[in-house]
Amino acid sequence: MKDFLTAKQKKWLWISLISLLIIVGAGFVYGYSQRQVFLDRAVKKVKTKLKNDYALNFEVQAYRFVGLSEVEFQHLTVIPDQRDTLVDMQRFTAKVNLVPCCGEK
């Protein structure tokens, strides 16, 4: 049986595949390292929106990623301006979709 690819073509195919894997791997590592930055921005945006639009003070003592797609909040409170506490949670966990274009609908 005759080979479909010559030795030179096989060599370039392997180089291309390995290069593609390296690029995808580097993108994954970069995204994984930046997800806390994205989470910080999202929490800041939520705090600002709740304060400006709804006169609510959103406070969270600590938040972090747990695993690949879960975010854990600790000591989360929501208090309306000059009112009693609306929400007080010791621990809250939420799953997030890290790749919105490929998630479930």
Protein backbone atom coordinates (compact mmCIF):
# COMPACT_ATOMS: atom_id res chain seq x y z
CA MET A 1 0.00 0.00 0.00
CA LYS A 2 1.36 3.40 -0.96
CA ASP A 3 1.74 6.19 1.62
CA PHE A 4 -0.41 9.25 1.06
CA LEU A 5 2.21 11.62 2.46
CA THR A 6 5.88 11.86 1.71
CA ALA A 7 8.42 11.94 4.53
CA LYS A 8 8.78 15.71 4.17
CA GLN A 9 5.01 16.23 4.32
CA LYS A 10 4.76 14.04 7.43
CA LYS A 11 7.51 16.07 9.07
CA TRP A 12 5.68 19.35 8.38
CA LEU A 13 2.38 17.86 9.54
CA TRP A 14 3.95 16.89 12.88
CA ILE A 15 5.58 20.32 13.25
CA SER A 16 2.24 22.00 12.52
CA LEU A 17 0.32 19.83 15.00
CA ILE A 18 2.87 20.33 17.76
CA SER A 19 2.91 24.09 17.12
CA LEU A 20 -0.88 24.19 17.31
CA LEU A 21 -0.86 22.27 20.60
CA ILE A 22 1.72 24.66 22.05
CA ILE A 23 -0.34 27.70 21.04
CA VAL A 24 -3.57 26.23 22.47
CA GLY A 25 -1.74 25.21 25.66
CA ALA A 26 -0.25 28.67 26.09
CA GLY A 27 -3.70 30.22 25.62
CA PHE A 28 -5.17 27.91 28.24
CA VAL A 29 -2.39 28.71 30.73
CA TYR A 30 -2.81 32.46 30.15
CA GLY A 31 -6.59 32.30 30.56
CA TYR A 32 -6.30 30.18 33.68
CA SER A 33 -3.82 32.62 35.22
CA GLN A 34 -6.03 35.65 34.43
CA ARG A 35 -9.36 34.35 35.70
CA GLN A 36 -8.92 35.88 39.19
CA VAL A 37 -8.38 39.26 37.52
CA PHE A 38 -11.63 38.79 35.57
CA LEU A 39 -13.43 37.76 38.78
CA ASP A 40 -12.13 40.88 40.57
CA ARG A 41 -13.44 43.07 37.75
CA ALA A 42 -16.83 41.34 37.78
CA VAL A 43 -17.26 41.74 41.55
CA LYS A 44 -16.27 45.40 41.33
CA LYS A 45 -18.79 45.92 38.51
CA VAL A 46 -21.56 44.25 40.53
CA LYS A 47 -20.78 46.38 43.60
CA THR A 48 -20.91 49.57 41.52
CA LYS A 49 -24.14 48.60 39.72
CA LEU A 50 -25.95 47.62 42.94
CA LYS A 51 -24.83 50.82 44.67
CA ASN A 52 -25.65 53.20 41.83
CA ASP A 53 -28.84 51.64 40.45
CA TYR A 54 -30.44 50.05 43.52
CA ALA A 55 -28.89 51.79 46.56
CA LEU A 56 -27.59 48.46 47.85
CA ASN A 57 -24.27 47.84 49.56
CA PHE A 58 -22.79 44.55 48.38
CA GLU A 59 -19.95 43.30 50.57
CA VAL A 60 -18.02 40.07 50.34
CA GLN A 61 -15.14 39.21 52.63
CA ALA A 62 -13.44 36.73 50.29
CA TYR A 63 -14.07 35.18 46.91
CA ARG A 64 -12.06 32.74 44.83
CA PHE A 65 -12.25 30.07 42.19
CA VAL A 66 -12.70 26.52 43.43
CA GLY A 67 -11.80 24.07 40.71
CA LEU A 68 -12.19 25.09 37.10
CA SER A 69 -15.64 26.62 37.03
CA GLU A 70 -16.91 27.25 40.57
CA VAL A 71 -16.65 30.53 42.45
CA GLU A 72 -16.91 30.53 46.23
CA PHE A 73 -17.95 33.65 48.15
CA GLN A 74 -17.47 33.88 51.91
CA HIS A 75 -19.36 36.23 54.22
CA LEU A 76 -21.53 37.84 51.56
CA THR A 77 -23.95 40.58 52.64
CA VAL A 78 -26.36 42.85 50.81
CA ILE A 79 -27.63 45.83 52.81
CA PRO A 80 -29.94 48.55 51.45
CA ASP A 81 -28.92 52.12 52.33
CA GLN A 82 -30.21 53.03 55.79
CA ARG A 83 -32.13 49.74 56.17
CA ASP A 84 -31.78 46.35 57.79
CA THR A 85 -29.73 43.53 56.22
CA LEU A 86 -31.31 42.03 53.12
CA VAL A 87 -28.96 39.05 52.60
CA ASP A 88 -26.30 37.56 54.85
CA MET A 89 -24.61 34.35 53.70
CA GLN A 90 -21.64 32.69 55.31
CA ARG A 91 -20.75 30.70 52.19
CA PHE A 92 -22.12 30.84 48.65
CA THR A 93 -20.91 28.80 45.66
CA ALA A 94 -21.81 29.42 42.04
CA LYS A 95 -20.83 27.69 38.81
CA VAL A 96 -19.69 29.93 35.98
CA ASN A 97 -19.42 29.29 32.28
CA LEU A 98 -15.85 30.17 31.33
CA VAL A 99 -16.49 29.87 27.59
CA PRO A 100 -19.91 31.44 26.98
CA CYS A 101 -19.97 30.68 23.26
CA CYS A 102 -19.68 26.92 23.87
CA GLY A 103 -22.00 26.53 26.85
CA GLU A 104 -25.48 25.16 27.18
CA LYS A 105 -28.41 27.27 26.13
